[in-house]
Full PDB file with SEQRES, HELIX, SHEET, SSBOND, CRYST1, ORIGX, SCALE, CONECT and MASTER records, all heavy atoms in Angstrom:
SEQRES   1 A   40  ARG CYS VAL PHE ARG VAL VAL ASP HIS PHE GLN ALA HIS          
SEQRES   2 A   40  GLY LEU VAL ASP LEU PRO ARG GLU TRP GLU ILE ASP GLY          
SEQRES   3 A   40  ARG THR TYR LYS PRO GLY GLY GLU GLY ARG ARG VAL ALA          
SEQRES   4 A   40  GLY                                                          
SHEET    1 AA1 2 TRP A  22  ILE A  24  0                                        
SHEET    2 AA1 2 ARG A  27  TYR A  29 -1                                        
CRYST1    1.000    1.000    1.000  90.00  90.00  90.00 P 1           1          
ORIGX1      1.000000  0.000000  0.000000        0.00000                         
ORIGX2      0.000000  1.000000  0.000000        0.00000                         
ORIGX3      0.000000  0.000000  1.000000        0.00000                         
SCALE1      1.000000  0.000000  0.000000        0.00000                         
SCALE2      0.000000  1.000000  0.000000        0.00000                         
SCALE3      0.000000  0.000000  1.000000        0.00000                         
ATOM      1  N   ARG A   1       0.821  -1.197   0.000  1.00  0.00           N  
ATOM      2  CA  ARG A   1       0.000   0.000   0.000  1.00  0.00           C  
ATOM      3  C   ARG A   1       0.866   1.263   0.000  1.00  0.00           C  
ATOM      4  O   ARG A   1       2.031   1.247   0.395  1.00  0.00           O  
ATOM      5  CB  ARG A   1      -0.918   0.028   1.238  1.00  0.00           C  
ATOM      6  CG  ARG A   1      -1.931  -1.101   1.275  1.00  0.00           C  
ATOM      7  CD  ARG A   1      -2.913  -1.007   0.107  1.00  0.00           C  
ATOM      8  NE  ARG A   1      -3.941  -2.016   0.191  1.00  0.00           N  
ATOM      9  CZ  ARG A   1      -5.109  -1.834   0.800  1.00  0.00           C  
ATOM     10  NH1 ARG A   1      -5.384  -0.681   1.401  1.00  0.00           N  
ATOM     11  NH2 ARG A   1      -6.006  -2.798   0.823  1.00  0.00           N  
ATOM     12  N   CYS A   2       0.240   2.347  -0.438  1.00  0.00           N  
ATOM     13  CA  CYS A   2       0.869   3.676  -0.380  1.00  0.00           C  
ATOM     14  C   CYS A   2       2.265   3.683  -0.994  1.00  0.00           C  
ATOM     15  O   CYS A   2       3.239   4.128  -0.376  1.00  0.00           O  
ATOM     16  CB  CYS A   2       0.940   4.180   1.050  1.00  0.00           C  
ATOM     17  SG  CYS A   2      -0.624   4.227   1.918  1.00  0.00           S  
ATOM     18  N   VAL A   3       2.371   3.174  -2.201  1.00  0.00           N  
ATOM     19  CA  VAL A   3       3.667   3.236  -2.893  1.00  0.00           C  
ATOM     20  C   VAL A   3       4.066   4.700  -3.030  1.00  0.00           C  
ATOM     21  O   VAL A   3       3.288   5.526  -3.518  1.00  0.00           O  
ATOM     22  CB  VAL A   3       3.578   2.560  -4.270  1.00  0.00           C  
ATOM     23  CG1 VAL A   3       4.904   2.696  -5.010  1.00  0.00           C  
ATOM     24  CG2 VAL A   3       3.192   1.094  -4.118  1.00  0.00           C  
ATOM     25  N   PHE A   4       5.257   5.029  -2.563  1.00  0.00           N  
ATOM     26  CA  PHE A   4       5.665   6.434  -2.574  1.00  0.00           C  
ATOM     27  C   PHE A   4       7.142   6.551  -2.908  1.00  0.00           C  
ATOM     28  O   PHE A   4       7.883   5.567  -2.897  1.00  0.00           O  
ATOM     29  CB  PHE A   4       5.357   7.103  -1.233  1.00  0.00           C  
ATOM     30  CG  PHE A   4       6.242   6.652  -0.095  1.00  0.00           C  
ATOM     31  CD1 PHE A   4       7.229   7.477   0.416  1.00  0.00           C  
ATOM     32  CD2 PHE A   4       6.079   5.388   0.474  1.00  0.00           C  
ATOM     33  CE1 PHE A   4       8.036   7.067   1.467  1.00  0.00           C  
ATOM     34  CE2 PHE A   4       6.883   4.965   1.521  1.00  0.00           C  
ATOM     35  CZ  PHE A   4       7.857   5.805   2.018  1.00  0.00           C  
ATOM     36  N   ARG A   5       7.543   7.768  -3.172  1.00  0.00           N  
ATOM     37  CA  ARG A   5       8.906   8.062  -3.623  1.00  0.00           C  
ATOM     38  C   ARG A   5       9.556   9.032  -2.648  1.00  0.00           C  
ATOM     39  O   ARG A   5       8.925   9.989  -2.187  1.00  0.00           O  
ATOM     40  CB  ARG A   5       8.839   8.674  -5.019  1.00  0.00           C  
ATOM     41  CG  ARG A   5      10.150   9.157  -5.611  1.00  0.00           C  
ATOM     42  CD  ARG A   5       9.911   9.540  -7.069  1.00  0.00           C  
ATOM     43  NE  ARG A   5      11.075  10.154  -7.663  1.00  0.00           N  
ATOM     44  CZ  ARG A   5      11.176  11.442  -7.952  1.00  0.00           C  
ATOM     45  NH1 ARG A   5      10.160  12.242  -7.697  1.00  0.00           N  
ATOM     46  NH2 ARG A   5      12.258  11.927  -8.515  1.00  0.00           N  
ATOM     47  N   VAL A   6      10.797   8.771  -2.304  1.00  0.00           N  
ATOM     48  CA  VAL A   6      11.579   9.689  -1.480  1.00  0.00           C  
ATOM     49  C   VAL A   6      12.610  10.379  -2.361  1.00  0.00           C  
ATOM     50  O   VAL A   6      13.282   9.726  -3.162  1.00  0.00           O  
ATOM     51  CB  VAL A   6      12.289   8.953  -0.325  1.00  0.00           C  
ATOM     52  CG1 VAL A   6      13.203   9.906   0.438  1.00  0.00           C  
ATOM     53  CG2 VAL A   6      11.268   8.336   0.621  1.00  0.00           C  
ATOM     54  N   VAL A   7      12.712  11.679  -2.260  1.00  0.00           N  
ATOM     55  CA  VAL A   7      13.730  12.441  -2.979  1.00  0.00           C  
ATOM     56  C   VAL A   7      14.616  13.121  -1.947  1.00  0.00           C  
ATOM     57  O   VAL A   7      14.191  13.419  -0.834  1.00  0.00           O  
ATOM     58  CB  VAL A   7      13.094  13.492  -3.927  1.00  0.00           C  
ATOM     59  CG1 VAL A   7      12.297  12.804  -5.016  1.00  0.00           C  
ATOM     60  CG2 VAL A   7      12.197  14.452  -3.160  1.00  0.00           C  
ATOM     61  N   ASP A   8      15.866  13.342  -2.319  1.00  0.00           N  
ATOM     62  CA  ASP A   8      16.790  14.007  -1.402  1.00  0.00           C  
ATOM     63  C   ASP A   8      17.751  14.878  -2.191  1.00  0.00           C  
ATOM     64  O   ASP A   8      17.696  14.939  -3.413  1.00  0.00           O  
ATOM     65  CB  ASP A   8      17.540  12.996  -0.528  1.00  0.00           C  
ATOM     66  CG  ASP A   8      18.412  12.030  -1.331  1.00  0.00           C  
ATOM     67  OD1 ASP A   8      19.079  12.502  -2.273  1.00  0.00           O  
ATOM     68  OD2 ASP A   8      18.433  10.839  -1.024  1.00  0.00           O  
ATOM     69  N   HIS A   9      18.631  15.561  -1.482  1.00  0.00           N  
ATOM     70  CA  HIS A   9      19.645  16.418  -2.105  1.00  0.00           C  
ATOM     71  C   HIS A   9      21.023  15.781  -1.978  1.00  0.00           C  
ATOM     72  O   HIS A   9      22.022  16.461  -1.811  1.00  0.00           O  
ATOM     73  CB  HIS A   9      19.632  17.809  -1.471  1.00  0.00           C  
ATOM     74  CG  HIS A   9      18.384  18.586  -1.750  1.00  0.00           C  
ATOM     75  ND1 HIS A   9      17.987  18.910  -3.024  1.00  0.00           N  
ATOM     76  CD2 HIS A   9      17.427  19.063  -0.926  1.00  0.00           C  
ATOM     77  CE1 HIS A   9      16.849  19.592  -2.970  1.00  0.00           C  
ATOM     78  NE2 HIS A   9      16.483  19.683  -1.715  1.00  0.00           N  
ATOM     79  N   PHE A  10      21.062  14.456  -2.036  1.00  0.00           N  
ATOM     80  CA  PHE A  10      22.306  13.692  -1.957  1.00  0.00           C  
ATOM     81  C   PHE A  10      23.059  14.018  -0.669  1.00  0.00           C  
ATOM     82  O   PHE A  10      24.208  14.422  -0.655  1.00  0.00           O  
ATOM     83  CB  PHE A  10      23.185  13.982  -3.174  1.00  0.00           C  
ATOM     84  CG  PHE A  10      24.298  12.968  -3.337  1.00  0.00           C  
ATOM     85  CD1 PHE A  10      24.028  11.616  -3.202  1.00  0.00           C  
ATOM     86  CD2 PHE A  10      25.585  13.365  -3.614  1.00  0.00           C  
ATOM     87  CE1 PHE A  10      25.030  10.678  -3.347  1.00  0.00           C  
ATOM     88  CE2 PHE A  10      26.597  12.432  -3.761  1.00  0.00           C  
ATOM     89  CZ  PHE A  10      26.319  11.086  -3.630  1.00  0.00           C  
ATOM     90  N   GLN A  11      22.360  13.818   0.469  1.00  0.00           N  
ATOM     91  CA  GLN A  11      22.980  14.034   1.769  1.00  0.00           C  
ATOM     92  C   GLN A  11      23.800  12.821   2.196  1.00  0.00           C  
ATOM     93  O   GLN A  11      24.688  12.930   3.029  1.00  0.00           O  
ATOM     94  CB  GLN A  11      21.882  14.296   2.809  1.00  0.00           C  
ATOM     95  CG  GLN A  11      21.036  15.529   2.483  1.00  0.00           C  
ATOM     96  CD  GLN A  11      19.610  15.377   2.981  1.00  0.00           C  
ATOM     97  OE1 GLN A  11      18.934  14.415   2.665  1.00  0.00           O  
ATOM     98  NE2 GLN A  11      19.161  16.346   3.747  1.00  0.00           N  
ATOM     99  N   ALA A  12      23.461  11.669   1.651  1.00  0.00           N  
ATOM    100  CA  ALA A  12      24.160  10.434   1.988  1.00  0.00           C  
ATOM    101  C   ALA A  12      23.897   9.446   0.869  1.00  0.00           C  
ATOM    102  O   ALA A  12      23.201   9.744  -0.094  1.00  0.00           O  
ATOM    103  CB  ALA A  12      23.673   9.903   3.341  1.00  0.00           C  
ATOM    104  N   HIS A  13      24.453   8.222   1.033  1.00  0.00           N  
ATOM    105  CA  HIS A  13      24.312   7.205  -0.004  1.00  0.00           C  
ATOM    106  C   HIS A  13      23.871   5.914   0.661  1.00  0.00           C  
ATOM    107  O   HIS A  13      24.368   5.555   1.716  1.00  0.00           O  
ATOM    108  CB  HIS A  13      25.651   7.009  -0.714  1.00  0.00           C  
ATOM    109  CG  HIS A  13      25.549   6.253  -1.998  1.00  0.00           C  
ATOM    110  ND1 HIS A  13      24.778   6.682  -3.061  1.00  0.00           N  
ATOM    111  CD2 HIS A  13      26.126   5.085  -2.398  1.00  0.00           C  
ATOM    112  CE1 HIS A  13      24.892   5.823  -4.057  1.00  0.00           C  
ATOM    113  NE2 HIS A  13      25.693   4.841  -3.675  1.00  0.00           N  
ATOM    114  N   GLY A  14      22.903   5.224   0.067  1.00  0.00           N  
ATOM    115  CA  GLY A  14      22.427   3.968   0.624  1.00  0.00           C  
ATOM    116  C   GLY A  14      20.927   3.980   0.827  1.00  0.00           C  
ATOM    117  O   GLY A  14      20.177   4.467  -0.017  1.00  0.00           O  
ATOM    118  N   LEU A  15      20.470   3.477   1.978  1.00  0.00           N  
ATOM    119  CA  LEU A  15      19.043   3.409   2.274  1.00  0.00           C  
ATOM    120  C   LEU A  15      18.596   4.458   3.275  1.00  0.00           C  
ATOM    121  O   LEU A  15      17.511   5.014   3.170  1.00  0.00           O  
ATOM    122  CB  LEU A  15      18.692   2.022   2.830  1.00  0.00           C  
ATOM    123  CG  LEU A  15      18.461   0.899   1.829  1.00  0.00           C  
ATOM    124  CD1 LEU A  15      18.176  -0.397   2.555  1.00  0.00           C  
ATOM    125  CD2 LEU A  15      17.304   1.242   0.906  1.00  0.00           C  
ATOM    126  N   VAL A  16      19.429   4.725   4.292  1.00  0.00           N  
ATOM    127  CA  VAL A  16      19.017   5.580   5.401  1.00  0.00           C  
ATOM    128  C   VAL A  16      20.076   6.643   5.652  1.00  0.00           C  
ATOM    129  O   VAL A  16      21.273   6.359   5.631  1.00  0.00           O  
ATOM    130  CB  VAL A  16      18.808   4.748   6.689  1.00  0.00           C  
ATOM    131  CG1 VAL A  16      18.348   5.629   7.832  1.00  0.00           C  
ATOM    132  CG2 VAL A  16      17.794   3.639   6.446  1.00  0.00           C  
ATOM    133  N   ASP A  17      19.616   7.886   5.865  1.00  0.00           N  
ATOM    134  CA  ASP A  17      20.516   8.976   6.237  1.00  0.00           C  
ATOM    135  C   ASP A  17      20.598   9.009   7.761  1.00  0.00           C  
ATOM    136  O   ASP A  17      19.709   9.512   8.434  1.00  0.00           O  
ATOM    137  CB  ASP A  17      19.984  10.308   5.691  1.00  0.00           C  
ATOM    138  CG  ASP A  17      20.940  11.451   5.957  1.00  0.00           C  
ATOM    139  OD1 ASP A  17      22.097  11.174   6.340  1.00  0.00           O  
ATOM    140  OD2 ASP A  17      20.541  12.614   5.798  1.00  0.00           O  
ATOM    141  N   LEU A  18      21.664   8.442   8.308  1.00  0.00           N  
ATOM    142  CA  LEU A  18      21.788   8.348   9.754  1.00  0.00           C  
ATOM    143  C   LEU A  18      22.168   9.689  10.360  1.00  0.00           C  
ATOM    144  O   LEU A  18      23.097  10.346   9.877  1.00  0.00           O  
ATOM    145  CB  LEU A  18      22.857   7.307  10.117  1.00  0.00           C  
ATOM    146  CG  LEU A  18      22.588   5.876   9.643  1.00  0.00           C  
ATOM    147  CD1 LEU A  18      23.774   4.985   9.973  1.00  0.00           C  
ATOM    148  CD2 LEU A  18      21.317   5.331  10.267  1.00  0.00           C  
ATOM    149  N   PRO A  19      21.481  10.148  11.402  1.00  0.00           N  
ATOM    150  CA  PRO A  19      21.908  11.371  12.096  1.00  0.00           C  
ATOM    151  C   PRO A  19      23.350  11.198  12.566  1.00  0.00           C  
ATOM    152  O   PRO A  19      23.724  10.143  13.088  1.00  0.00           O  
ATOM    153  CB  PRO A  19      20.932  11.441  13.285  1.00  0.00           C  
ATOM    154  CG  PRO A  19      19.741  10.649  12.853  1.00  0.00           C  
ATOM    155  CD  PRO A  19      20.286   9.539  12.003  1.00  0.00           C  
ATOM    156  N   ARG A  20      24.171  12.227  12.370  1.00  0.00           N  
ATOM    157  CA  ARG A  20      25.590  12.057  12.655  1.00  0.00           C  
ATOM    158  C   ARG A  20      26.263  13.395  12.954  1.00  0.00           C  
ATOM    159  O   ARG A  20      25.750  14.457  12.605  1.00  0.00           O  
ATOM    160  CB  ARG A  20      26.300  11.407  11.465  1.00  0.00           C  
ATOM    161  CG  ARG A  20      26.167  12.194  10.174  1.00  0.00           C  
ATOM    162  CD  ARG A  20      26.519  11.334   8.972  1.00  0.00           C  
ATOM    163  NE  ARG A  20      26.331  12.035   7.717  1.00  0.00           N  
ATOM    164  CZ  ARG A  20      25.159  12.094   7.075  1.00  0.00           C  
ATOM    165  NH1 ARG A  20      24.085  11.515   7.592  1.00  0.00           N  
ATOM    166  NH2 ARG A  20      25.052  12.733   5.921  1.00  0.00           N  
ATOM    167  N   GLU A  21      27.401  13.305  13.596  1.00  0.00           N  
ATOM    168  CA  GLU A  21      28.311  14.426  13.747  1.00  0.00           C  
ATOM    169  C   GLU A  21      29.719  13.861  13.814  1.00  0.00           C  
ATOM    170  O   GLU A  21      29.922  12.681  14.098  1.00  0.00           O  
ATOM    171  CB  GLU A  21      27.980  15.261  14.983  1.00  0.00           C  
ATOM    172  CG  GLU A  21      28.168  14.545  16.306  1.00  0.00           C  
ATOM    173  CD  GLU A  21      27.851  15.433  17.492  1.00  0.00           C  
ATOM    174  OE1 GLU A  21      27.065  16.377  17.321  1.00  0.00           O  
ATOM    175  OE2 GLU A  21      28.395  15.181  18.586  1.00  0.00           O  
ATOM    176  N   TRP A  22      30.683  14.709  13.511  1.00  0.00           N  
ATOM    177  CA  TRP A  22      32.078  14.283  13.430  1.00  0.00           C  
ATOM    178  C   TRP A  22      32.900  15.061  14.458  1.00  0.00           C  
ATOM    179  O   TRP A  22      32.709  16.270  14.623  1.00  0.00           O  
ATOM    180  CB  TRP A  22      32.653  14.554  12.042  1.00  0.00           C  
ATOM    181  CG  TRP A  22      31.845  14.027  10.896  1.00  0.00           C  
ATOM    182  CD1 TRP A  22      30.646  14.502  10.451  1.00  0.00           C  
ATOM    183  CD2 TRP A  22      32.170  12.932  10.047  1.00  0.00           C  
ATOM    184  NE1 TRP A  22      30.204  13.781   9.374  1.00  0.00           N  
ATOM    185  CE2 TRP A  22      31.119  12.805   9.094  1.00  0.00           C  
ATOM    186  CE3 TRP A  22      33.243  12.049   9.976  1.00  0.00           C  
ATOM    187  CZ2 TRP A  22      31.124  11.836   8.108  1.00  0.00           C  
ATOM    188  CZ3 TRP A  22      33.249  11.079   8.987  1.00  0.00           C  
ATOM    189  CH2 TRP A  22      32.198  10.975   8.080  1.00  0.00           C  
ATOM    190  N   GLU A  23      33.840  14.384  15.091  1.00  0.00           N  
ATOM    191  CA  GLU A  23      34.796  15.068  15.953  1.00  0.00           C  
ATOM    192  C   GLU A  23      36.193  14.780  15.429  1.00  0.00           C  
ATOM    193  O   GLU A  23      36.625  13.622  15.357  1.00  0.00           O  
ATOM    194  CB  GLU A  23      34.678  14.606  17.405  1.00  0.00           C  
ATOM    195  CG  GLU A  23      35.649  15.361  18.312  1.00  0.00           C  
ATOM    196  CD  GLU A  23      35.478  15.006  19.769  1.00  0.00           C  
ATOM    197  OE1 GLU A  23      34.337  14.769  20.197  1.00  0.00           O  
ATOM    198  OE2 GLU A  23      36.502  14.957  20.467  1.00  0.00           O  
ATOM    199  N   ILE A  24      36.882  15.845  15.021  1.00  0.00           N  
ATOM    200  CA  ILE A  24      38.212  15.725  14.442  1.00  0.00           C  
ATOM    201  C   ILE A  24      39.127  16.706  15.154  1.00  0.00           C  
ATOM    202  O   ILE A  24      38.868  17.917  15.163  1.00  0.00           O  
ATOM    203  CB  ILE A  24      38.192  16.008  12.925  1.00  0.00           C  
ATOM    204  CG1 ILE A  24      37.215  15.057  12.222  1.00  0.00           C  
ATOM    205  CG2 ILE A  24      39.590  15.875  12.329  1.00  0.00           C  
ATOM    206  CD1 ILE A  24      36.959  15.388  10.780  1.00  0.00           C  
ATOM    207  N   ASP A  25      40.186  16.183  15.773  1.00  0.00           N  
ATOM    208  CA  ASP A  25      41.144  17.015  16.514  1.00  0.00           C  
ATOM    209  C   ASP A  25      40.445  17.892  17.534  1.00  0.00           C  
ATOM    210  O   ASP A  25      40.759  19.087  17.692  1.00  0.00           O  
ATOM    211  CB  ASP A  25      41.967  17.876  15.548  1.00  0.00           C  
ATOM    212  CG  ASP A  25      42.832  17.046  14.613  1.00  0.00           C  
ATOM    213  OD1 ASP A  25      43.218  15.938  15.020  1.00  0.00           O  
ATOM    214  OD2 ASP A  25      43.103  17.505  13.493  1.00  0.00           O  
ATOM    215  N   GLY A  26      39.464  17.329  18.211  1.00  0.00           N  
ATOM    216  CA  GLY A  26      38.789  18.060  19.278  1.00  0.00           C  
ATOM    217  C   GLY A  26      37.693  18.992  18.835  1.00  0.00           C  
ATOM    218  O   GLY A  26      37.044  19.634  19.668  1.00  0.00           O  
ATOM    219  N   ARG A  27      37.430  19.094  17.543  1.00  0.00           N  
ATOM    220  CA  ARG A  27      36.362  19.955  17.039  1.00  0.00           C  
ATOM    221  C   ARG A  27      35.220  19.106  16.508  1.00  0.00           C  
ATOM    222  O   ARG A  27      35.448  18.083  15.873  1.00  0.00           O  
ATOM    223  CB  ARG A  27      36.882  20.877  15.939  1.00  0.00           C  
ATOM    224  CG  ARG A  27      37.771  21.997  16.457  1.00  0.00           C  
ATOM    225  CD  ARG A  27      38.193  22.931  15.344  1.00  0.00           C  
ATOM    226  NE  ARG A  27      38.891  24.089  15.845  1.00  0.00           N  
ATOM    227  CZ  ARG A  27      39.398  25.046  15.087  1.00  0.00           C  
ATOM    228  NH1 ARG A  27      39.285  24.959  13.768  1.00  0.00           N  
ATOM    229  NH2 ARG A  27      40.012  26.084  15.619  1.00  0.00           N  
ATOM    230  N   THR A  28      34.006  19.550  16.768  1.00  0.00           N  
ATOM    231  CA  THR A  28      32.816  18.811  16.350  1.00  0.00           C  
ATOM    232  C   THR A  28      32.233  19.435  15.092  1.00  0.00           C  
ATOM    233  O   THR A  28      32.109  20.661  14.998  1.00  0.00           O  
ATOM    234  CB  THR A  28      31.759  18.824  17.463  1.00  0.00           C  
ATOM    235  OG1 THR A  28      32.333  18.246  18.644  1.00  0.00           O  
ATOM    236  CG2 THR A  28      30.525  18.020  17.053  1.00  0.00           C  
ATOM    237  N   TYR A  29      31.887  18.581  14.128  1.00  0.00           N  
ATOM    238  CA  TYR A  29      31.330  19.022  12.851  1.00  0.00           C  
ATOM    239  C   TYR A  29      30.004  18.311  12.610  1.00  0.00           C  
ATOM    240  O   TYR A  29      29.860  17.128  12.923  1.00  0.00           O  
ATOM    241  CB  TYR A  29      32.278  18.709  11.696  1.00  0.00           C  
ATOM    242  CG  TYR A  29      33.638  19.339  11.803  1.00  0.00           C  
ATOM    243  CD1 TYR A  29      34.641  18.729  12.554  1.00  0.00           C  
ATOM    244  CD2 TYR A  29      33.930  20.533  11.156  1.00  0.00           C  
ATOM    245  CE1 TYR A  29      35.896  19.293  12.662  1.00  0.00           C  
ATOM    246  CE2 TYR A  29      35.176  21.106  11.250  1.00  0.00           C  
ATOM    247  CZ  TYR A  29      36.164  20.482  12.000  1.00  0.00           C  
ATOM    248  OH  TYR A  29      37.405  21.053  12.098  1.00  0.00           O  
ATOM    249  N   LYS A  30      29.051  19.040  12.033  1.00  0.00           N  
ATOM    250  CA  LYS A  30      27.797  18.452  11.585  1.00  0.00           C  
ATOM    251  C   LYS A  30      27.682  18.626  10.075  1.00  0.00           C  
ATOM    252  O   LYS A  30      28.251  19.567   9.528  1.00  0.00           O  
ATOM    253  CB  LYS A  30      26.601  19.094  12.287  1.00  0.00           C  
ATOM    254  CG  LYS A  30      26.543  18.768  13.778  1.00  0.00           C  
ATOM    255  CD  LYS A  30      25.284  19.316  14.437  1.00  0.00           C  
ATOM    256  CE  LYS A  30      25.240  18.939  15.904  1.00  0.00           C  
ATOM    257  NZ  LYS A  30      24.018  19.467  16.565  1.00  0.00           N  
ATOM    258  N   PRO A  31      26.948  17.751   9.380  1.00  0.00           N  
ATOM    259  CA  PRO A  31      26.847  17.861   7.919  1.00  0.00           C  
ATOM    260  C   PRO A  31      26.287  19.200   7.491  1.00  0.00           C  
ATOM    261  O   PRO A  31      25.397  19.752   8.145  1.00  0.00           O  
ATOM    262  CB  PRO A  31      25.892  16.725   7.542  1.00  0.00           C  
ATOM    263  CG  PRO A  31      25.986  15.764   8.677  1.00  0.00           C  
ATOM    264  CD  PRO A  31      26.219  16.601   9.897  1.00  0.00           C  
ATOM    265  N   GLY A  32      26.800  19.731   6.379  1.00  0.00           N  
ATOM    266  CA  GLY A  32      26.275  20.991   5.859  1.00  0.00           C  
ATOM    267  C   GLY A  32      27.278  21.702   5.007  1.00  0.00           C  
ATOM    268  O   GLY A  32      28.168  21.115   4.413  1.00  0.00           O  
ATOM    269  N   GLY A  33      27.168  23.053   4.984  1.00  0.00           N  
ATOM    270  CA  GLY A  33      28.005  23.862   4.112  1.00  0.00           C  
ATOM    271  C   GLY A  33      29.037  24.646   4.883  1.00  0.00           C  
ATOM    272  O   GLY A  33      29.925  24.111   5.522  1.00  0.00           O  
ATOM    273  N   GLU A  34      28.898  25.994   4.882  1.00  0.00           N  
ATOM    274  CA  GLU A  34      29.876  26.858   5.525  1.00  0.00           C  
ATOM    275  C   GLU A  34      29.898  26.613   7.029  1.00  0.00           C  
ATOM    276  O   GLU A  34      28.873  26.384   7.662  1.00  0.00           O  
ATOM    277  CB  GLU A  34      29.547  28.335   5.244  1.00  0.00           C  
ATOM    278  CG  GLU A  34      29.646  28.708   3.773  1.00  0.00           C  
ATOM    279  CD  GLU A  34      31.059  28.575   3.252  1.00  0.00           C  
ATOM    280  OE1 GLU A  34      31.996  28.821   4.031  1.00  0.00           O  
ATOM    281  OE2 GLU A  34      31.226  28.221   2.073  1.00  0.00           O  
ATOM    282  N   GLY A  35      31.089  26.679   7.630  1.00  0.00           N  
ATOM    283  CA  GLY A  35      31.217  26.443   9.062  1.00  0.00           C  
ATOM    284  C   GLY A  35      30.876  27.682   9.866  1.00  0.00           C  
ATOM    285  O   GLY A  35      30.982  28.818   9.410  1.00  0.00           O  
ATOM    286  N   ARG A  36      30.452  27.491  11.105  1.00  0.00           N  
ATOM    287  CA  ARG A  36      30.206  28.598  12.022  1.00  0.00           C  
ATOM    288  C   ARG A  36      30.555  28.118  13.424  1.00  0.00           C  
ATOM    289  O   ARG A  36      30.516  26.924  13.715  1.00  0.00           O  
ATOM    290  CB  ARG A  36      28.755  29.074  11.961  1.00  0.00           C  
ATOM    291  CG  ARG A  36      27.741  28.003  12.276  1.00  0.00           C  
ATOM    292  CD  ARG A  36      26.313  28.521  12.077  1.00  0.00           C  
ATOM    293  NE  ARG A  36      25.337  27.472  12.268  1.00  0.00           N  
ATOM    294  CZ  ARG A  36      24.804  27.156  13.436  1.00  0.00           C  
ATOM    295  NH1 ARG A  36      25.154  27.825  14.514  1.00  0.00           N  
ATOM    296  NH2 ARG A  36      23.922  26.183  13.544  1.00  0.00           N  
ATOM    297  N   ARG A  37      30.859  29.051  14.291  1.00  0.00           N  
ATOM    298  CA  ARG A  37      31.237  28.674  15.652  1.00  0.00           C  
ATOM    299  C   ARG A  37      30.046  28.889  16.591  1.00  0.00           C  
ATOM    300  O   ARG A  37      29.393  29.912  16.546  1.00  0.00           O  
ATOM    301  CB  ARG A  37      32.423  29.503  16.143  1.00  0.00           C  
ATOM    302  CG  ARG A  37      33.709  29.108  15.454  1.00  0.00           C  
ATOM    303  CD  ARG A  37      34.913  29.738  16.123  1.00  0.00           C  
ATOM    304  NE  ARG A  37      36.134  29.251  15.513  1.00  0.00           N  
ATOM    305  CZ  ARG A  37      36.749  28.145  15.881  1.00  0.00           C  
ATOM    306  NH1 ARG A  37      36.235  27.402  16.845  1.00  0.00           N  
ATOM    307  NH2 ARG A  37      37.858  27.761  15.289  1.00  0.00           N  
ATOM    308  N   VAL A  38      29.786  27.883  17.410  1.00  0.00           N  
ATOM    309  CA  VAL A  38      28.745  27.983  18.425  1.00  0.00           C  
ATOM    310  C   VAL A  38      29.358  27.566  19.750  1.00  0.00           C  
ATOM    311  O   VAL A  38      29.786  26.419  19.913  1.00  0.00           O  
ATOM    312  CB  VAL A  38      27.544  27.071  18.086  1.00  0.00           C  
ATOM    313  CG1 VAL A  38      26.504  27.158  19.182  1.00  0.00           C  
ATOM    314  CG2 VAL A  38      26.950  27.469  16.757  1.00  0.00           C  
ATOM    315  N   ALA A  39      29.422  28.504  20.706  1.00  0.00           N  
ATOM    316  CA  ALA A  39      29.981  28.223  22.038  1.00  0.00           C  
ATOM    317  C   ALA A  39      31.370  27.592  21.933  1.00  0.00           C  
ATOM    318  O   ALA A  39      31.692  26.624  22.615  1.00  0.00           O  
ATOM    319  CB  ALA A  39      29.042  27.323  22.829  1.00  0.00           C  
ATOM    320  N   GLY A  40      32.181  28.146  21.043  1.00  0.00           N  
ATOM    321  CA  GLY A  40      33.545  27.683  20.918  1.00  0.00           C  
ATOM    322  C   GLY A  40      33.734  26.439  20.091  1.00  0.00           C  
ATOM    323  O   GLY A  40      34.835  25.968  19.918  1.00  0.00           O  
TER     324      GLY A  40                                                      
MASTER        0    0    0    0    2    0    0    6  323    1    0    4          
END                                                                             
């Protein structure tokens, strides 16, 4: 039932876009474009 289509902007590859964040050299990154600083 309810055959439907999911479209995306190529945020990930596969079946599911898992919520995520990255920590590299002590800095935390979230997926997106230009970086900004929040509380250091």
